[in-house]
């Protein structure tokens, strides 16, 4: 896959410490805090309707400041992107539209969620194998937190496993990662572009990378997940992208 435009991808997912600074500076309340119904795979239950039992502060397990933040929706993630863009005096990538919700300005120089094509390109790091390190799933534990069975802290310190050839950590496992694109089961496979921008509309967003509870198959470089953009769970976070 050849991408038409260069981009930079963060080495790790956004952490608790980074998200806490954002909340402290803005007073922002995530959708899990406002609307409730966060999900916790660690405790194997969902919060009752309109209850905010599970949030980024208390996702369902103990966490540290260098843990990747979870229980954030796609919408929460783009608000964080705009905040960080403004902090660094970069032009925000997202604007709020009364009918369409958050709309991406792909020409802006600020932070954004990666497109699905960008994410896979970065994950593969020049490879065409099942994983960025090869085809043998037996080696996955060197690079990924996955297939969690027991213990109290399923989401681990961001960047605590081996990176890929691009120096990116946790592209497999730990947390699933929100992507910019709407999900369409056929679009990505049939697109002729080397850098497809994804469908122009949809009801769900792409999630990539697998996570701490899933199996090796779902951690593959090519595996495609999805969720409603208001979804929040303790196995889902996000990674930042921007133009150089």
Protein backbone atom coordinates (compact mmCIF):
# COMPACT_ATOMS: atom_id res chain seq x y z
CA UNK A 1 0.00 0.00 0.00
CA UNK A 2 1.40 3.41 -1.00
CA UNK A 3 -0.03 6.48 0.70
CA UNK A 4 -0.42 9.63 -1.35
CA UNK A 5 0.24 12.02 1.53
CA UNK A 6 2.76 11.73 4.36
CA UNK A 7 1.52 11.54 7.94
CA UNK A 8 2.82 11.00 11.46
CA UNK A 9 1.34 8.51 13.91
CA UNK A 10 1.89 8.65 17.67
CA UNK A 11 4.13 5.95 19.12
CA UNK A 12 1.50 4.86 21.65
CA UNK A 13 -2.17 5.30 22.42
CA UNK A 14 -3.20 8.40 24.38
CA UNK A 15 -2.58 7.72 28.07
CA UNK A 16 -4.48 8.46 31.27
CA UNK A 17 -2.02 11.25 32.11
CA UNK A 18 -2.54 12.94 28.73
CA UNK A 19 -6.30 12.63 28.92
CA UNK A 20 -6.34 13.90 32.51
CA UNK A 21 -4.49 17.06 31.43
CA UNK A 22 -7.11 17.61 28.72
CA UNK A 23 -9.98 17.21 31.19
CA UNK A 24 -8.30 19.47 33.76
CA UNK A 25 -7.83 22.19 31.15
CA UNK A 26 -11.30 22.06 29.65
CA UNK A 27 -13.68 20.55 32.20
CA UNK A 28 -14.77 18.13 29.52
CA UNK A 29 -17.03 15.23 30.52
CA UNK A 30 -16.92 12.14 28.35
CA UNK A 31 -20.02 10.52 26.94
CA UNK A 32 -19.66 7.68 29.42
CA UNK A 33 -19.76 10.23 32.26
CA UNK A 34 -22.71 12.14 30.82
CA UNK A 35 -24.80 9.34 29.34
CA UNK A 36 -23.66 6.28 31.29
CA UNK A 37 -23.81 2.75 29.83
CA UNK A 38 -20.07 2.22 29.58
CA UNK A 39 -19.03 -1.40 29.06
CA UNK A 40 -16.48 -3.38 31.04
CA UNK A 41 -15.15 -6.60 29.55
CA UNK A 42 -12.91 -6.95 32.62
CA UNK A 43 -15.92 -7.27 34.92
CA UNK A 44 -18.06 -8.84 32.18
CA UNK A 45 -20.92 -6.41 32.55
CA UNK A 46 -22.37 -3.19 31.21
CA UNK A 47 -23.39 -0.29 33.38
CA UNK A 48 -27.18 0.06 33.79
CA UNK A 49 -28.88 2.52 31.49
CA UNK A 50 -28.03 6.15 32.40
CA UNK A 51 -25.53 5.05 35.06
CA UNK A 52 -21.89 6.13 34.77
CA UNK A 53 -20.32 3.25 36.65
CA UNK A 54 -17.56 2.80 34.06
CA UNK A 55 -15.64 5.84 32.82
CA UNK A 56 -12.09 6.74 31.79
CA UNK A 57 -11.36 7.41 35.47
CA UNK A 58 -12.67 4.01 36.55
CA UNK A 59 -12.90 1.71 33.52
CA UNK A 60 -13.46 -1.52 35.42
CA UNK A 61 -9.92 -2.24 36.61
CA UNK A 62 -7.04 -0.49 38.38
CA UNK A 63 -4.88 1.72 36.18
CA UNK A 64 -1.82 3.98 36.26
CA UNK A 65 -1.07 7.32 34.66
CA UNK A 66 0.91 5.63 31.88
CA UNK A 67 -1.95 3.23 31.08
CA UNK A 68 -3.65 3.81 27.73
CA UNK A 69 -6.95 5.61 28.31
CA UNK A 70 -10.15 3.66 27.63
CA UNK A 71 -13.93 4.17 27.96
CA UNK A 72 -13.70 7.01 25.40
CA UNK A 73 -16.04 7.23 22.42
CA UNK A 74 -15.09 8.29 18.90
CA UNK A 75 -16.67 11.65 19.67
CA UNK A 76 -14.59 12.04 22.85
CA UNK A 77 -11.45 11.27 20.87
CA UNK A 78 -12.01 14.00 18.27
CA UNK A 79 -12.68 16.59 20.99
CA UNK A 80 -9.31 15.65 22.50
CA UNK A 81 -7.70 16.00 19.05
CA UNK A 82 -9.04 19.55 18.64
CA UNK A 83 -7.93 20.51 22.15
CA UNK A 84 -4.37 19.31 21.58
CA UNK A 85 -4.24 21.04 18.20
CA UNK A 86 -5.13 24.34 19.84
CA UNK A 87 -2.62 23.75 22.64
CA UNK A 88 0.13 23.45 20.05
CA UNK A 89 -1.25 26.29 17.92
CA UNK A 90 -2.17 23.99 15.06
CA UNK A 91 -5.33 24.31 13.01
CA UNK A 92 -8.01 21.93 14.39
CA UNK A 93 -9.01 19.12 12.06
CA UNK A 94 -12.62 18.82 13.19
CA UNK A 95 -15.57 21.18 13.03
CA UNK A 96 -19.04 20.65 14.39
CA UNK A 97 -21.85 20.51 11.83
CA UNK A 98 -25.48 20.75 12.95
CA UNK A 99 -26.55 17.92 10.63
CA UNK A 100 -23.45 15.77 10.13
CA UNK A 101 -21.86 16.03 13.57
CA UNK A 102 -18.05 16.16 13.61
CA UNK A 103 -16.65 16.80 10.12
CA UNK A 104 -12.98 16.31 9.23
CA UNK A 105 -10.90 18.94 7.43
CA UNK A 106 -8.19 16.70 5.97
CA UNK A 107 -6.10 19.75 4.98
CA UNK A 108 -5.76 21.04 8.53
CA UNK A 109 -2.38 20.65 10.26
CA UNK A 110 -3.73 19.62 13.65
CA UNK A 111 -4.28 16.26 15.29
CA UNK A 112 -6.84 13.76 14.07
CA UNK A 113 -7.67 10.08 14.12
CA UNK A 114 -5.83 8.11 11.43
CA UNK A 115 -7.69 6.88 8.40
CA UNK A 116 -8.03 3.12 8.19
CA UNK A 117 -5.48 3.05 5.36
CA UNK A 118 -3.01 5.10 7.39
CA UNK A 119 -3.47 2.87 10.40
CA UNK A 120 -2.81 -0.35 8.46
CA UNK A 121 0.16 1.15 6.63
CA UNK A 122 1.69 2.19 9.94
CA UNK A 123 0.90 -1.14 11.59
CA UNK A 124 2.41 -3.21 8.80
CA UNK A 125 5.60 -1.11 8.69
CA UNK A 126 6.47 -2.39 5.23
CA UNK A 127 5.34 -5.99 5.76
CA UNK A 128 2.69 -8.10 4.04
CA UNK A 129 2.49 -10.80 6.72
CA UNK A 130 -0.29 -11.55 9.22
CA UNK A 131 1.46 -9.42 11.84
CA UNK A 132 4.12 -6.74 11.52
CA UNK A 133 6.70 -9.23 12.82
CA UNK A 134 5.70 -12.18 10.60
CA UNK A 135 3.07 -14.89 10.31
CA UNK A 136 3.68 -16.86 13.51
CA UNK A 137 1.09 -15.99 16.14
CA UNK A 138 3.24 -17.75 18.73
CA UNK A 139 5.49 -14.64 18.74
CA UNK A 140 2.58 -12.23 19.31
CA UNK A 141 3.07 -12.07 23.08
CA UNK A 142 6.40 -10.29 22.53
CA UNK A 143 4.57 -7.42 20.83
CA UNK A 144 1.04 -7.40 22.22
CA UNK A 145 -1.12 -7.67 25.32
CA UNK A 146 -3.92 -9.99 24.24
CA UNK A 147 -5.99 -13.03 25.21
CA UNK A 148 -6.25 -11.83 28.82
CA UNK A 149 -7.33 -14.59 31.18
CA UNK A 150 -6.80 -13.50 34.78
CA UNK A 151 -5.54 -10.71 37.01
CA UNK A 152 -6.70 -7.18 37.80
CA UNK A 153 -5.01 -4.94 35.20
CA UNK A 154 -5.77 -6.11 31.66
CA UNK A 155 -4.71 -2.82 30.02
CA UNK A 156 -1.00 -2.37 30.56
CA UNK A 157 1.51 0.45 30.40
CA UNK A 158 1.49 1.93 26.90
CA UNK A 159 4.62 0.93 25.03
CA UNK A 160 5.67 -1.90 27.35
CA UNK A 161 5.96 -4.51 24.58
CA UNK A 162 8.28 -4.51 21.55
CA UNK A 163 7.58 -1.95 18.78
CA UNK A 164 7.23 -2.56 15.06
CA UNK A 165 9.84 -1.50 12.49
CA UNK A 166 8.42 2.05 12.47
CA UNK A 167 8.92 2.35 16.24
CA UNK A 168 5.19 2.14 17.00
CA UNK A 169 4.00 0.27 20.09
CA UNK A 170 0.82 -1.72 20.72
CA UNK A 171 -0.34 -1.75 17.12
CA UNK A 172 -1.43 -5.28 17.97
CA UNK A 173 -3.43 -5.78 21.17
CA UNK A 174 -3.74 -3.74 24.39
CA UNK A 175 -6.61 -1.50 23.23
CA UNK A 176 -8.60 -1.41 20.02
CA UNK A 177 -8.04 1.95 18.31
CA UNK A 178 -10.61 4.27 16.78
CA UNK A 179 -10.01 5.24 13.15
CA UNK A 180 -11.44 8.19 11.25
CA UNK A 181 -13.32 6.17 8.64
CA UNK A 182 -16.89 5.00 8.59
CA UNK A 183 -17.08 1.23 8.40
CA UNK A 184 -18.25 -0.51 5.25
CA UNK A 185 -17.51 -4.25 4.93
CA UNK A 186 -16.80 -3.92 1.18
CA UNK A 187 -15.41 -0.41 0.65
CA UNK A 188 -11.89 -0.92 1.93
CA UNK A 189 -11.37 -4.19 0.06
CA UNK A 190 -12.74 -2.92 -3.28
CA UNK A 191 -11.21 0.56 -3.26
CA UNK A 192 -8.81 1.21 -6.11
CA UNK A 193 -7.03 4.03 -4.32
CA UNK A 194 -3.72 3.45 -2.55
CA UNK A 195 -4.92 5.82 0.16
CA UNK A 196 -8.72 5.40 0.41
CA UNK A 197 -10.46 7.99 2.56
CA UNK A 198 -13.30 5.67 3.47
CA UNK A 199 -17.04 5.97 2.83
CA UNK A 200 -18.58 9.45 2.94
CA UNK A 201 -21.23 8.40 5.44
CA UNK A 202 -22.26 5.58 7.72
CA UNK A 203 -23.48 4.64 11.17
CA UNK A 204 -20.35 2.96 12.55
CA UNK A 205 -16.63 3.78 12.74
CA UNK A 206 -13.66 1.51 12.11
CA UNK A 207 -11.74 0.03 15.06
CA UNK A 208 -8.34 -1.54 14.44
CA UNK A 209 -5.62 -3.48 16.25
CA UNK A 210 -7.35 -6.01 18.47
CA UNK A 211 -7.23 -5.62 22.25
CA UNK A 212 -6.28 -7.15 25.58
CA UNK A 213 -9.15 -9.66 25.78
CA UNK A 214 -9.34 -10.83 22.17
CA UNK A 215 -7.52 -13.68 20.44
CA UNK A 216 -4.55 -13.61 18.06
CA UNK A 217 -6.74 -13.71 14.94
CA UNK A 218 -8.35 -10.38 15.80
CA UNK A 219 -4.94 -8.79 16.40
CA UNK A 220 -3.83 -9.32 12.77
CA UNK A 221 -2.72 -6.28 10.75
CA UNK A 222 -5.67 -6.72 8.37
CA UNK A 223 -8.42 -7.43 10.89
CA UNK A 224 -11.23 -4.88 10.77
CA UNK A 225 -13.48 -4.09 13.71
CA UNK A 226 -16.17 -1.44 14.10
CA UNK A 227 -18.42 0.29 16.59
CA UNK A 228 -21.00 3.04 16.91
CA UNK A 229 -19.16 6.30 17.42
CA UNK A 230 -20.72 6.70 20.86
CA UNK A 231 -19.41 3.27 21.94
CA UNK A 232 -17.25 3.34 25.08
CA UNK A 233 -15.58 0.33 26.59
CA UNK A 234 -12.55 -0.73 28.62
CA UNK A 235 -11.01 -2.39 25.56
CA UNK A 236 -11.12 0.67 23.29
CA UNK A 237 -8.89 3.75 23.05
CA UNK A 238 -7.25 5.92 20.39
CA UNK A 239 -3.97 7.02 18.83
CA UNK A 240 -3.19 10.40 17.30
CA UNK A 241 -2.21 11.21 13.73
CA UNK A 242 -1.24 14.43 11.98
CA UNK A 243 0.52 15.74 8.91
CA UNK A 244 4.25 16.56 9.28
